[in-house]
Amino acid sequence: MQTVMAWLRQPTSVAGISALFGTMLALVTRQVDWAQAMPLIAGGLASIALPDNAGAKADAMSLARAIAAEIQEGK
């Protein structure tokens, strides 16, 4: 049970659940139709299913800093 709770507390899972909740509320109140809601539902489910990847985030930030440093040196 702790593993499931940890998984649901990840930022991607929280965002996916929020997106699903908002989309379902919009469907119930007829603010959107199913054709408009399906991409939001798919994105929300993908966010819940995919784990948060902190390692990739750190790698991307390091790469961005290296690129910025190269640009600064080139000026």
Protein backbone atom coordinates (compact mmCIF):
# COMPACT_ATOMS: atom_id res chain seq x y z
CA MET A 1 0.00 0.00 0.00
CA GLN A 2 2.90 2.37 0.73
CA THR A 3 4.24 1.88 -2.79
CA VAL A 4 0.89 2.84 -4.31
CA MET A 5 0.63 5.92 -2.09
CA ALA A 6 4.19 6.97 -3.01
CA TRP A 7 3.38 6.52 -6.69
CA LEU A 8 0.19 8.58 -6.38
CA ARG A 9 2.09 11.39 -4.62
CA GLN A 10 4.51 11.88 -7.50
CA PRO A 11 4.09 15.23 -9.29
CA THR A 12 3.17 13.52 -12.56
CA SER A 13 0.48 11.42 -10.89
CA VAL A 14 -0.96 14.44 -9.09
CA ALA A 15 -1.05 16.38 -12.37
CA GLY A 16 -2.70 13.47 -14.17
CA ILE A 17 -5.35 13.02 -11.50
CA SER A 18 -6.03 16.77 -11.53
CA ALA A 19 -6.36 16.77 -15.32
CA LEU A 20 -8.75 13.82 -15.20
CA PHE A 21 -10.85 15.39 -12.46
CA GLY A 22 -11.12 18.70 -14.32
CA THR A 23 -11.92 16.99 -17.60
CA MET A 24 -14.61 14.82 -16.03
CA LEU A 25 -16.15 17.86 -14.37
CA ALA A 26 -16.17 19.69 -17.71
CA LEU A 27 -17.86 16.68 -19.33
CA VAL A 28 -20.50 16.44 -16.61
CA THR A 29 -21.29 20.15 -16.88
CA ARG A 30 -21.25 19.90 -20.69
CA GLN A 31 -18.51 22.49 -21.10
CA VAL A 32 -16.67 20.13 -23.47
CA ASP A 33 -17.73 17.19 -25.59
CA TRP A 34 -16.05 13.80 -25.83
CA ALA A 35 -14.00 14.77 -28.88
CA GLN A 36 -12.46 17.66 -26.94
CA ALA A 37 -12.03 15.64 -23.76
CA MET A 38 -10.29 12.57 -25.19
CA PRO A 39 -6.83 14.18 -25.61
CA LEU A 40 -7.04 15.50 -22.04
CA ILE A 41 -8.06 12.10 -20.72
CA ALA A 42 -5.24 10.39 -22.64
CA GLY A 43 -2.71 12.90 -21.30
CA GLY A 44 -3.98 12.51 -17.76
CA LEU A 45 -3.76 8.72 -17.93
CA ALA A 46 -0.27 8.88 -19.42
CA SER A 47 0.84 11.21 -16.61
CA ILE A 48 -0.47 8.79 -14.02
CA ALA A 49 1.04 5.72 -15.72
CA LEU A 50 4.52 7.12 -16.33
CA PRO A 51 6.79 7.42 -13.31
CA ASP A 52 8.43 10.68 -12.33
CA ASN A 53 11.96 10.65 -13.69
CA ALA A 54 14.07 12.92 -11.49
CA GLY A 55 17.27 11.61 -13.10
CA ALA A 56 16.20 12.78 -16.54
CA LYS A 57 15.29 16.16 -15.11
CA ALA A 58 18.73 16.54 -13.56
CA ASP A 59 20.39 15.50 -16.83
CA ALA A 60 18.31 17.99 -18.81
CA MET A 61 19.18 20.79 -16.39
CA SER A 62 22.89 19.95 -16.59
CA LEU A 63 22.72 19.95 -20.38
CA ALA A 64 20.91 23.29 -20.42
CA ARG A 65 23.53 24.81 -18.11
CA ALA A 66 26.36 23.49 -20.31
CA ILE A 67 24.73 24.93 -23.42
CA ALA A 68 24.20 28.28 -21.69
CA ALA A 69 27.85 28.33 -20.58
CA GLU A 70 28.99 27.61 -24.14
CA ILE A 71 26.83 30.43 -25.46
CA GLN A 72 28.22 32.81 -22.83
CA GLU A 73 31.79 31.86 -23.73
CA GLY A 74 31.13 32.38 -27.42
CA LYS A 75 30.06 36.00 -26.98
